Amino acid sequence: MLPVYNITFQIVKEKESKTKESMRMMGMTDTSYWLSWFAYYTLINTIISLVGWLCLCINVIQYSTPAYVFLYMWLFGESVFGQIVFL
């Protein structure tokens, strides 16, 4: 939940400081703005999912495919980003 809090806090802080509007005046589009947030969150999500997956691989995941467990964790993190953007 810490990454969710941090990303939400940073987006709200950026909205308060009107950074997005000043970048828009310089010619940045909304697509590139949200793609930058998506790339940033995907990197953080991948690192957290990888660490969690490695911890689970040590004698916890015995009867399932480890790749599916990692994919499930990573996709869950990506869906949380969609929820952050929606809210």
PDB file of N, CA and C in Angstrom:
ATOM      1  N   MET A   1       0.815  -1.202   0.000  1.00  0.00           N
ATOM      2  CA  MET A   1       0.000   0.000   0.000  1.00  0.00           C
ATOM      3  C   MET A   1       0.856   1.262   0.000  1.00  0.00           C
ATOM      4  N   LEU A   2       2.109   1.136   0.381  1.00  0.00           N
ATOM      5  CA  LEU A   2       2.980   2.311   0.404  1.00  0.00           C
ATOM      6  C   LEU A   2       3.171   2.932  -0.985  1.00  0.00           C
ATOM      7  N   PRO A   3       3.380   2.144  -2.041  1.00  0.00           N
ATOM      8  CA  PRO A   3       3.493   2.774  -3.361  1.00  0.00           C
ATOM      9  C   PRO A   3       2.212   3.489  -3.784  1.00  0.00           C
ATOM     10  N   VAL A   4       1.061   2.942  -3.407  1.00  0.00           N
ATOM     11  CA  VAL A   4      -0.209   3.594  -3.742  1.00  0.00           C
ATOM     12  C   VAL A   4      -0.288   4.951  -3.067  1.00  0.00           C
ATOM     13  N   TYR A   5       0.081   4.995  -1.799  1.00  0.00           N
ATOM     14  CA  TYR A   5       0.069   6.267  -1.070  1.00  0.00           C
ATOM     15  C   TYR A   5       1.038   7.256  -1.705  1.00  0.00           C
ATOM     16  N   ASN A   6       2.248   6.800  -2.011  1.00  0.00           N
ATOM     17  CA  ASN A   6       3.255   7.708  -2.568  1.00  0.00           C
ATOM     18  C   ASN A   6       2.845   8.249  -3.934  1.00  0.00           C
ATOM     19  N   ILE A   7       2.353   7.401  -4.802  1.00  0.00           N
ATOM     20  CA  ILE A   7       1.955   7.859  -6.142  1.00  0.00           C
ATOM     21  C   ILE A   7       0.786   8.831  -6.043  1.00  0.00           C
ATOM     22  N   THR A   8      -0.209   8.499  -5.220  1.00  0.00           N
ATOM     23  CA  THR A   8      -1.357   9.391  -5.052  1.00  0.00           C
ATOM     24  C   THR A   8      -0.911  10.728  -4.479  1.00  0.00           C
ATOM     25  N   PHE A   9      -0.038  10.697  -3.483  1.00  0.00           N
ATOM     26  CA  PHE A   9       0.468  11.926  -2.880  1.00  0.00           C
ATOM     27  C   PHE A   9       1.222  12.771  -3.902  1.00  0.00           C
ATOM     28  N   GLN A  10       2.062  12.130  -4.725  1.00  0.00           N
ATOM     29  CA  GLN A  10       2.832  12.878  -5.713  1.00  0.00           C
ATOM     30  C   GLN A  10       1.943  13.483  -6.794  1.00  0.00           C
ATOM     31  N   ILE A  11       0.903  12.762  -7.212  1.00  0.00           N
ATOM     32  CA  ILE A  11      -0.007  13.300  -8.234  1.00  0.00           C
ATOM     33  C   ILE A  11      -0.776  14.491  -7.676  1.00  0.00           C
ATOM     34  N   VAL A  12      -1.248  14.391  -6.431  1.00  0.00           N
ATOM     35  CA  VAL A  12      -1.978  15.504  -5.822  1.00  0.00           C
ATOM     36  C   VAL A  12      -1.050  16.691  -5.592  1.00  0.00           C
ATOM     37  N   LYS A  13       0.166  16.426  -5.146  1.00  0.00           N
ATOM     38  CA  LYS A  13       1.144  17.494  -4.929  1.00  0.00           C
ATOM     39  C   LYS A  13       1.474  18.200  -6.244  1.00  0.00           C
ATOM     40  N   GLU A  14       1.592  17.436  -7.313  1.00  0.00           N
ATOM     41  CA  GLU A  14       1.863  18.016  -8.622  1.00  0.00           C
ATOM     42  C   GLU A  14       0.678  18.849  -9.105  1.00  0.00           C
ATOM     43  N   LYS A  15      -0.524  18.405  -8.747  1.00  0.00           N
ATOM     44  CA  LYS A  15      -1.722  19.161  -9.133  1.00  0.00           C
ATOM     45  C   LYS A  15      -1.783  20.487  -8.377  1.00  0.00           C
ATOM     46  N   GLU A  16      -1.401  20.460  -7.087  1.00  0.00           N
ATOM     47  CA  GLU A  16      -1.415  21.688  -6.291  1.00  0.00           C
ATOM     48  C   GLU A  16      -0.379  22.695  -6.776  1.00  0.00           C
ATOM     49  N   SER A  17       0.774  22.205  -7.209  1.00  0.00           N
ATOM     50  CA  SER A  17       1.833  23.123  -7.646  1.00  0.00           C
ATOM     51  C   SER A  17       1.655  23.556  -9.105  1.00  0.00           C
ATOM     52  N   LYS A  18       0.645  23.022  -9.760  1.00  0.00           N
ATOM     53  CA  LYS A  18       0.310  23.378 -11.145  1.00  0.00           C
ATOM     54  C   LYS A  18       1.461  23.083 -12.116  1.00  0.00           C
ATOM     55  N   THR A  19       2.207  22.030 -11.834  1.00  0.00           N
ATOM     56  CA  THR A  19       3.296  21.630 -12.725  1.00  0.00           C
ATOM     57  C   THR A  19       2.752  21.140 -14.059  1.00  0.00           C
ATOM     58  N   LYS A  20       1.646  20.416 -14.010  1.00  0.00           N
ATOM     59  CA  LYS A  20       1.073  19.880 -15.243  1.00  0.00           C
ATOM     60  C   LYS A  20       0.649  21.009 -16.181  1.00  0.00           C
ATOM     61  N   GLU A  21       0.064  22.058 -15.616  1.00  0.00           N
ATOM     62  CA  GLU A  21      -0.376  23.173 -16.456  1.00  0.00           C
ATOM     63  C   GLU A  21       0.809  23.910 -17.066  1.00  0.00           C
ATOM     64  N   SER A  22       1.889  24.069 -16.299  1.00  0.00           N
ATOM     65  CA  SER A  22       3.062  24.753 -16.868  1.00  0.00           C
ATOM     66  C   SER A  22       3.721  23.903 -17.951  1.00  0.00           C
ATOM     67  N   MET A  23       3.718  22.583 -17.775  1.00  0.00           N
ATOM     68  CA  MET A  23       4.261  21.718 -18.827  1.00  0.00           C
ATOM     69  C   MET A  23       3.359  21.726 -20.053  1.00  0.00           C
ATOM     70  N   ARG A  24       2.069  21.855 -19.836  1.00  0.00           N
ATOM     71  CA  ARG A  24       1.142  21.934 -20.957  1.00  0.00           C
ATOM     72  C   ARG A  24       1.373  23.212 -21.753  1.00  0.00           C
ATOM     73  N   MET A  25       1.712  24.309 -21.058  1.00  0.00           N
ATOM     74  CA  MET A  25       2.017  25.565 -21.751  1.00  0.00           C
ATOM     75  C   MET A  25       3.275  25.431 -22.596  1.00  0.00           C
ATOM     76  N   MET A  26       4.196  24.566 -22.171  1.00  0.00           N
ATOM     77  CA  MET A  26       5.430  24.357 -22.923  1.00  0.00           C
ATOM     78  C   MET A  26       5.243  23.364 -24.067  1.00  0.00           C
ATOM     79  N   GLY A  27       4.052  22.761 -24.189  1.00  0.00           N
ATOM     80  CA  GLY A  27       3.766  21.908 -25.333  1.00  0.00           C
ATOM     81  C   GLY A  27       3.617  20.431 -25.031  1.00  0.00           C
ATOM     82  N   MET A  28       3.656  20.042 -23.760  1.00  0.00           N
ATOM     83  CA  MET A  28       3.500  18.622 -23.441  1.00  0.00           C
ATOM     84  C   MET A  28       2.033  18.222 -23.528  1.00  0.00           C
ATOM     85  N   THR A  29       1.772  17.070 -24.100  1.00  0.00           N
ATOM     86  CA  THR A  29       0.399  16.594 -24.223  1.00  0.00           C
ATOM     87  C   THR A  29       0.012  15.767 -22.995  1.00  0.00           C
ATOM     88  N   ASP A  30      -1.296  15.565 -22.830  1.00  0.00           N
ATOM     89  CA  ASP A  30      -1.773  14.754 -21.711  1.00  0.00           C
ATOM     90  C   ASP A  30      -1.315  13.308 -21.836  1.00  0.00           C
ATOM     91  N   THR A  31      -1.218  12.813 -23.063  1.00  0.00           N
ATOM     92  CA  THR A  31      -0.789  11.429 -23.273  1.00  0.00           C
ATOM     93  C   THR A  31       0.622  11.206 -22.758  1.00  0.00           C
ATOM     94  N   SER A  32       1.532  12.097 -23.083  1.00  0.00           N
ATOM     95  CA  SER A  32       2.906  11.933 -22.615  1.00  0.00           C
ATOM     96  C   SER A  32       3.005  12.111 -21.111  1.00  0.00           C
ATOM     97  N   TYR A  33       2.170  12.966 -20.541  1.00  0.00           N
ATOM     98  CA  TYR A  33       2.144  13.148 -19.086  1.00  0.00           C
ATOM     99  C   TYR A  33       1.742  11.853 -18.383  1.00  0.00           C
ATOM    100  N   TRP A  34       0.645  11.242 -18.812  1.00  0.00           N
ATOM    101  CA  TRP A  34       0.180  10.029 -18.150  1.00  0.00           C
ATOM    102  C   TRP A  34       1.053   8.825 -18.486  1.00  0.00           C
ATOM    103  N   LEU A  35       1.668   8.805 -19.663  1.00  0.00           N
ATOM    104  CA  LEU A  35       2.603   7.721 -19.994  1.00  0.00           C
ATOM    105  C   LEU A  35       3.850   7.780 -19.112  1.00  0.00           C
ATOM    106  N   SER A  36       4.275   8.993 -18.750  1.00  0.00           N
ATOM    107  CA  SER A  36       5.428   9.100 -17.847  1.00  0.00           C
ATOM    108  C   SER A  36       5.082   8.563 -16.467  1.00  0.00           C
ATOM    109  N   TRP A  37       3.870   8.848 -15.977  1.00  0.00           N
ATOM    110  CA  TRP A  37       3.452   8.291 -14.684  1.00  0.00           C
ATOM    111  C   TRP A  37       3.313   6.779 -14.774  1.00  0.00           C
ATOM    112  N   PHE A  38       2.791   6.296 -15.889  1.00  0.00           N
ATOM    113  CA  PHE A  38       2.634   4.855 -16.071  1.00  0.00           C
ATOM    114  C   PHE A  38       3.994   4.149 -16.085  1.00  0.00           C
ATOM    115  N   ALA A  39       4.962   4.721 -16.785  1.00  0.00           N
ATOM    116  CA  ALA A  39       6.303   4.125 -16.833  1.00  0.00           C
ATOM    117  C   ALA A  39       6.952   4.130 -15.450  1.00  0.00           C
ATOM    118  N   TYR A  40       6.793   5.230 -14.717  1.00  0.00           N
ATOM    119  CA  TYR A  40       7.360   5.331 -13.370  1.00  0.00           C
ATOM    120  C   TYR A  40       6.737   4.288 -12.443  1.00  0.00           C
ATOM    121  N   TYR A  41       5.416   4.182 -12.459  1.00  0.00           N
ATOM    122  CA  TYR A  41       4.746   3.229 -11.583  1.00  0.00           C
ATOM    123  C   TYR A  41       5.040   1.791 -12.007  1.00  0.00           C
ATOM    124  N   THR A  42       5.142   1.532 -13.295  1.00  0.00           N
ATOM    125  CA  THR A  42       5.440   0.172 -13.765  1.00  0.00           C
ATOM    126  C   THR A  42       6.815  -0.276 -13.292  1.00  0.00           C
ATOM    127  N   LEU A  43       7.779   0.622 -13.310  1.00  0.00           N
ATOM    128  CA  LEU A  43       9.109   0.286 -12.814  1.00  0.00           C
ATOM    129  C   LEU A  43       9.060  -0.059 -11.326  1.00  0.00           C
ATOM    130  N   ILE A  44       8.395   0.764 -10.537  1.00  0.00           N
ATOM    131  CA  ILE A  44       8.277   0.500  -9.100  1.00  0.00           C
ATOM    132  C   ILE A  44       7.502  -0.790  -8.862  1.00  0.00           C
ATOM    133  N   ASN A  45       6.421  -0.993  -9.585  1.00  0.00           N
ATOM    134  CA  ASN A  45       5.605  -2.189  -9.431  1.00  0.00           C
ATOM    135  C   ASN A  45       6.397  -3.440  -9.788  1.00  0.00           C
ATOM    136  N   THR A  46       7.207  -3.368 -10.828  1.00  0.00           N
ATOM    137  CA  THR A  46       8.009  -4.525 -11.234  1.00  0.00           C
ATOM    138  C   THR A  46       9.024  -4.887 -10.153  1.00  0.00           C
ATOM    139  N   ILE A  47       9.661  -3.902  -9.575  1.00  0.00           N
ATOM    140  CA  ILE A  47      10.640  -4.165  -8.519  1.00  0.00           C
ATOM    141  C   ILE A  47       9.973  -4.782  -7.300  1.00  0.00           C
ATOM    142  N   ILE A  48       8.838  -4.221  -6.871  1.00  0.00           N
ATOM    143  CA  ILE A  48       8.139  -4.740  -5.701  1.00  0.00           C
ATOM    144  C   ILE A  48       7.608  -6.145  -5.970  1.00  0.00           C
ATOM    145  N   SER A  49       7.057  -6.374  -7.147  1.00  0.00           N
ATOM    146  CA  SER A  49       6.552  -7.708  -7.489  1.00  0.00           C
ATOM    147  C   SER A  49       7.680  -8.728  -7.543  1.00  0.00           C
ATOM    148  N   LEU A  50       8.820  -8.323  -8.067  1.00  0.00           N
ATOM    149  CA  LEU A  50       9.960  -9.224  -8.152  1.00  0.00           C
ATOM    150  C   LEU A  50      10.475  -9.602  -6.764  1.00  0.00           C
ATOM    151  N   VAL A  51      10.577  -8.628  -5.875  1.00  0.00           N
ATOM    152  CA  VAL A  51      11.033  -8.915  -4.506  1.00  0.00           C
ATOM    153  C   VAL A  51      10.041  -9.820  -3.788  1.00  0.00           C
ATOM    154  N   GLY A  52       8.753  -9.519  -3.908  1.00  0.00           N
ATOM    155  CA  GLY A  52       7.731 -10.361  -3.282  1.00  0.00           C
ATOM    156  C   GLY A  52       7.718 -11.765  -3.851  1.00  0.00           C
ATOM    157  N   TRP A  53       7.898 -11.858  -5.164  1.00  0.00           N
ATOM    158  CA  TRP A  53       7.924 -13.164  -5.825  1.00  0.00           C
ATOM    159  C   TRP A  53       9.128 -13.977  -5.380  1.00  0.00           C
ATOM    160  N   LEU A  54      10.293 -13.330  -5.257  1.00  0.00           N
ATOM    161  CA  LEU A  54      11.485 -14.034  -4.799  1.00  0.00           C
ATOM    162  C   LEU A  54      11.322 -14.540  -3.370  1.00  0.00           C
ATOM    163  N   CYS A  55      10.670 -13.741  -2.534  1.00  0.00           N
ATOM    164  CA  CYS A  55      10.407 -14.193  -1.158  1.00  0.00           C
ATOM    165  C   CYS A  55       9.464 -15.392  -1.148  1.00  0.00           C
ATOM    166  N   LEU A  56       8.479 -15.406  -2.024  1.00  0.00           N
ATOM    167  CA  LEU A  56       7.538 -16.518  -2.075  1.00  0.00           C
ATOM    168  C   LEU A  56       8.151 -17.773  -2.694  1.00  0.00           C
ATOM    169  N   CYS A  57       9.155 -17.611  -3.533  1.00  0.00           N
ATOM    170  CA  CYS A  57       9.769 -18.771  -4.180  1.00  0.00           C
ATOM    171  C   CYS A  57      10.560 -19.637  -3.204  1.00  0.00           C
ATOM    172  N   ILE A  58      10.893 -19.091  -2.056  1.00  0.00           N
ATOM    173  CA  ILE A  58      11.668 -19.847  -1.065  1.00  0.00           C
ATOM    174  C   ILE A  58      10.705 -20.706  -0.254  1.00  0.00           C
ATOM    175  N   ASN A  59      10.489 -21.934  -0.695  1.00  0.00           N
ATOM    176  CA  ASN A  59       9.705 -22.953   0.002  1.00  0.00           C
ATOM    177  C   ASN A  59       8.239 -22.596   0.236  1.00  0.00           C
ATOM    178  N   VAL A  60       7.701 -21.618  -0.457  1.00  0.00           N
ATOM    179  CA  VAL A  60       6.278 -21.307  -0.306  1.00  0.00           C
ATOM    180  C   VAL A  60       5.503 -21.772  -1.528  1.00  0.00           C
ATOM    181  N   ILE A  61       6.009 -21.460  -2.704  1.00  0.00           N
ATOM    182  CA  ILE A  61       5.338 -21.853  -3.939  1.00  0.00           C
ATOM    183  C   ILE A  61       5.867 -23.232  -4.342  1.00  0.00           C
ATOM    184  N   GLN A  62       5.096 -24.255  -4.058  1.00  0.00           N
ATOM    185  CA  GLN A  62       5.527 -25.596  -4.412  1.00  0.00           C
ATOM    186  C   GLN A  62       4.620 -26.236  -5.457  1.00  0.00           C
ATOM    187  N   TYR A  63       3.348 -25.923  -5.433  1.00  0.00           N
ATOM    188  CA  TYR A  63       2.391 -26.603  -6.308  1.00  0.00           C
ATOM    189  C   TYR A  63       1.813 -25.702  -7.388  1.00  0.00           C
ATOM    190  N   SER A  64       2.466 -24.599  -7.672  1.00  0.00           N
ATOM    191  CA  SER A  64       2.016 -23.740  -8.761  1.00  0.00           C
ATOM    192  C   SER A  64       3.225 -23.262  -9.555  1.00  0.00           C
ATOM    193  N   THR A  65       2.959 -22.770 -10.737  1.00  0.00           N
ATOM    194  CA  THR A  65       4.026 -22.290 -11.595  1.00  0.00           C
ATOM    195  C   THR A  65       4.471 -20.907 -11.115  1.00  0.00           C
ATOM    196  N   PRO A  66       5.749 -20.738 -10.807  1.00  0.00           N
ATOM    197  CA  PRO A  66       6.215 -19.443 -10.297  1.00  0.00           C
ATOM    198  C   PRO A  66       5.972 -18.283 -11.265  1.00  0.00           C
ATOM    199  N   ALA A  67       6.015 -18.538 -12.558  1.00  0.00           N
ATOM    200  CA  ALA A  67       5.785 -17.455 -13.523  1.00  0.00           C
ATOM    201  C   ALA A  67       4.355 -16.923 -13.421  1.00  0.00           C
ATOM    202  N   TYR A  68       3.402 -17.817 -13.184  1.00  0.00           N
ATOM    203  CA  TYR A  68       2.015 -17.372 -13.035  1.00  0.00           C
ATOM    204  C   TYR A  68       1.824 -16.548 -11.767  1.00  0.00           C
ATOM    205  N   VAL A  69       2.514 -16.916 -10.717  1.00  0.00           N
ATOM    206  CA  VAL A  69       2.414 -16.156  -9.464  1.00  0.00           C
ATOM    207  C   VAL A  69       2.980 -14.755  -9.658  1.00  0.00           C
ATOM    208  N   PHE A  70       4.139 -14.655 -10.328  1.00  0.00           N
ATOM    209  CA  PHE A  70       4.714 -13.338 -10.598  1.00  0.00           C
ATOM    210  C   PHE A  70       3.788 -12.515 -11.481  1.00  0.00           C
ATOM    211  N   LEU A  71       3.238 -13.138 -12.525  1.00  0.00           N
ATOM    212  CA  LEU A  71       2.333 -12.428 -13.426  1.00  0.00           C
ATOM    213  C   LEU A  71       1.098 -11.928 -12.681  1.00  0.00           C
ATOM    214  N   TYR A  72       0.569 -12.740 -11.796  1.00  0.00           N
ATOM    215  CA  TYR A  72      -0.599 -12.342 -11.013  1.00  0.00           C
ATOM    216  C   TYR A  72      -0.275 -11.139 -10.125  1.00  0.00           C
ATOM    217  N   MET A  73       0.870 -11.192  -9.450  1.00  0.00           N
ATOM    218  CA  MET A  73       1.261 -10.073  -8.579  1.00  0.00           C
ATOM    219  C   MET A  73       1.488  -8.798  -9.384  1.00  0.00           C
ATOM    220  N   TRP A  74       2.145  -8.930 -10.540  1.00  0.00           N
ATOM    221  CA  TRP A  74       2.449  -7.765 -11.361  1.00  0.00           C
ATOM    222  C   TRP A  74       1.177  -7.150 -11.951  1.00  0.00           C
ATOM    223  N   LEU A  75       0.279  -7.992 -12.433  1.00  0.00           N
ATOM    224  CA  LEU A  75      -0.976  -7.481 -12.995  1.00  0.00           C
ATOM    225  C   LEU A  75      -1.852  -6.831 -11.931  1.00  0.00           C
ATOM    226  N   PHE A  76      -1.815  -7.370 -10.715  1.00  0.00           N
ATOM    227  CA  PHE A  76      -2.557  -6.736  -9.625  1.00  0.00           C
ATOM    228  C   PHE A  76      -2.023  -5.334  -9.370  1.00  0.00           C
ATOM    229  N   GLY A  77      -0.693  -5.185  -9.346  1.00  0.00           N
ATOM    230  CA  GLY A  77      -0.097  -3.867  -9.150  1.00  0.00           C
ATOM    231  C   GLY A  77      -0.454  -2.898 -10.256  1.00  0.00           C
ATOM    232  N   GLU A  78      -0.490  -3.378 -11.483  1.00  0.00           N
ATOM    233  CA  GLU A  78      -0.858  -2.513 -12.598  1.00  0.00           C
ATOM    234  C   GLU A  78      -2.329  -2.094 -12.520  1.00  0.00           C
ATOM    235  N   SER A  79      -3.183  -2.991 -12.053  1.00  0.00           N
ATOM    236  CA  SER A  79      -4.596  -2.626 -11.915  1.00  0.00           C
ATOM    237  C   SER A  79      -4.791  -1.601 -10.811  1.00  0.00           C
ATOM    238  N   VAL A  80      -3.945  -1.626  -9.800  1.00  0.00           N
ATOM    239  CA  VAL A  80      -4.006  -0.618  -8.739  1.00  0.00           C
ATOM    240  C   VAL A  80      -3.670   0.759  -9.312  1.00  0.00           C
ATOM    241  N   PHE A  81      -2.721   0.822 -10.252  1.00  0.00           N
ATOM    242  CA  PHE A  81      -2.416   2.104 -10.893  1.00  0.00           C
ATOM    243  C   PHE A  81      -3.629   2.638 -11.646  1.00  0.00           C
ATOM    244  N   GLY A  82      -4.350   1.753 -12.318  1.00  0.00           N
ATOM    245  CA  GLY A  82      -5.578   2.179 -12.990  1.00  0.00           C
ATOM    246  C   GLY A  82      -6.588   2.744 -12.012  1.00  0.00           C
ATOM    247  N   GLN A  83      -6.663   2.139 -10.846  1.00  0.00           N
ATOM    248  CA  GLN A  83      -7.579   2.657  -9.826  1.00  0.00           C
ATOM    249  C   GLN A  83      -7.124   4.022  -9.309  1.00  0.00           C
ATOM    250  N   ILE A  84      -5.817   4.203  -9.156  1.00  0.00           N
ATOM    251  CA  ILE A  84      -5.295   5.501  -8.711  1.00  0.00           C
ATOM    252  C   ILE A  84      -5.659   6.589  -9.714  1.00  0.00           C
ATOM    253  N   VAL A  85      -5.467   6.313 -10.985  1.00  0.00           N
ATOM    254  CA  VAL A  85      -5.775   7.288 -12.027  1.00  0.00           C
ATOM    255  C   VAL A  85      -7.268   7.579 -12.064  1.00  0.00           C
ATOM    256  N   PHE A  86      -8.072   6.545 -11.892  1.00  0.00           N
ATOM    257  CA  PHE A  86      -9.523   6.721 -11.921  1.00  0.00           C
ATOM    258  C   PHE A  86     -10.008   7.593 -10.767  1.00  0.00           C
ATOM    259  N   LEU A  87      -9.442   7.371  -9.607  1.00  0.00           N
ATOM    260  CA  LEU A  87      -9.871   8.153  -8.444  1.00  0.00           C
ATOM    261  C   LEU A  87      -9.283   9.556  -8.490  1.00  0.00           C
TER     262      LEU A  87
END
